[in-house]
């Protein structure tokens, strides 16, 4: 019985996943996202200026992490690039 149910369960799981992924934001949520993106951009701009000023990378990274706390995922403020 289980092998016959497997395709139905997979289809149900995929439908649920796509439904969640395609959920539209409300106007309030969109405005909050815009504010977060601008705050992250400002934090990254400050990090760039910090590096330009000659400060060490670890100092600038700590400042970036502090200014991004609660805004983005991960220690790179939602952005990581290759060196």
Protein backbone atom coordinates (compact mmCIF):
# COMPACT_ATOMS: atom_id res chain seq x y z
CA UNK A 1 0.00 0.00 0.00
CA UNK A 2 2.84 2.41 0.85
CA UNK A 3 4.45 2.31 -2.65
CA UNK A 4 1.13 3.38 -4.18
CA UNK A 5 0.84 6.31 -1.76
CA UNK A 6 4.36 7.60 -2.34
CA UNK A 7 3.64 9.52 -5.58
CA UNK A 8 0.61 11.14 -3.97
CA UNK A 9 2.63 12.17 -0.91
CA UNK A 10 5.39 13.60 -3.10
CA UNK A 11 2.84 15.56 -5.14
CA UNK A 12 1.24 16.89 -1.96
CA UNK A 13 4.61 17.94 -0.54
CA UNK A 14 5.58 19.72 -3.77
CA UNK A 15 2.25 21.52 -3.93
CA UNK A 16 2.65 22.73 -0.35
CA UNK A 17 6.22 23.85 -1.00
CA UNK A 18 5.30 25.86 -4.08
CA UNK A 19 2.28 27.37 -2.35
CA UNK A 20 4.45 28.66 0.47
CA UNK A 21 7.19 29.87 -1.91
CA UNK A 22 4.72 31.81 -4.05
CA UNK A 23 2.92 33.53 -1.16
CA UNK A 24 2.63 37.25 -1.83
CA UNK A 25 3.74 39.81 0.70
CA UNK A 26 1.30 42.36 2.02
CA UNK A 27 2.09 46.04 1.41
CA UNK A 28 3.30 46.34 5.00
CA UNK A 29 5.63 43.33 4.59
CA UNK A 30 6.98 44.72 1.32
CA UNK A 31 7.71 48.08 2.96
CA UNK A 32 9.49 46.30 5.82
CA UNK A 33 11.56 44.31 3.30
CA UNK A 34 12.52 47.54 1.51
CA UNK A 35 13.62 49.08 4.81
CA UNK A 36 15.70 46.00 5.66
CA UNK A 37 17.39 46.04 2.24
CA UNK A 38 18.22 49.73 2.60
CA UNK A 39 19.60 49.14 6.09
CA UNK A 40 21.75 46.25 4.80
CA UNK A 41 22.96 48.41 1.91
CA UNK A 42 23.91 51.18 4.34
CA UNK A 43 25.77 48.68 6.52
CA UNK A 44 27.70 47.39 3.51
CA UNK A 45 28.50 50.94 2.39
CA UNK A 46 29.85 51.67 5.88
CA UNK A 47 31.95 48.50 5.70
CA UNK A 48 33.38 49.62 2.36
CA UNK A 49 34.25 53.04 3.77
CA UNK A 50 35.80 51.37 6.81
CA UNK A 51 38.08 49.30 4.56
CA UNK A 52 38.91 52.36 2.42
CA UNK A 53 39.97 54.22 5.55
CA UNK A 54 42.71 51.65 6.10
CA UNK A 55 41.20 49.84 9.05
CA UNK A 56 41.86 46.12 9.27
CA UNK A 57 39.31 43.75 7.76
CA UNK A 58 38.45 42.14 11.10
CA UNK A 59 37.60 45.54 12.60
CA UNK A 60 35.36 46.42 9.65
CA UNK A 61 33.71 42.98 9.77
CA UNK A 62 32.87 43.42 13.46
CA UNK A 63 31.32 46.81 12.68
CA UNK A 64 29.34 45.24 9.81
CA UNK A 65 28.09 42.44 12.03
CA UNK A 66 27.03 44.91 14.72
CA UNK A 67 25.17 47.16 12.30
CA UNK A 68 23.46 44.20 10.63
CA UNK A 69 22.39 42.39 13.77
CA UNK A 70 18.79 41.28 13.31
CA UNK A 71 18.65 42.35 9.64
CA UNK A 72 20.17 39.52 7.68
CA UNK A 73 21.10 35.87 7.88
CA UNK A 74 24.66 34.86 8.66
CA UNK A 75 27.74 36.74 9.74
CA UNK A 76 28.18 38.46 6.38
CA UNK A 77 24.96 40.49 6.58
CA UNK A 78 23.21 38.50 3.90
CA UNK A 79 26.09 38.78 1.46
CA UNK A 80 29.32 36.91 0.96
CA UNK A 81 31.76 37.37 -1.88
CA UNK A 82 34.83 35.54 -3.09
CA UNK A 83 38.35 36.68 -2.33
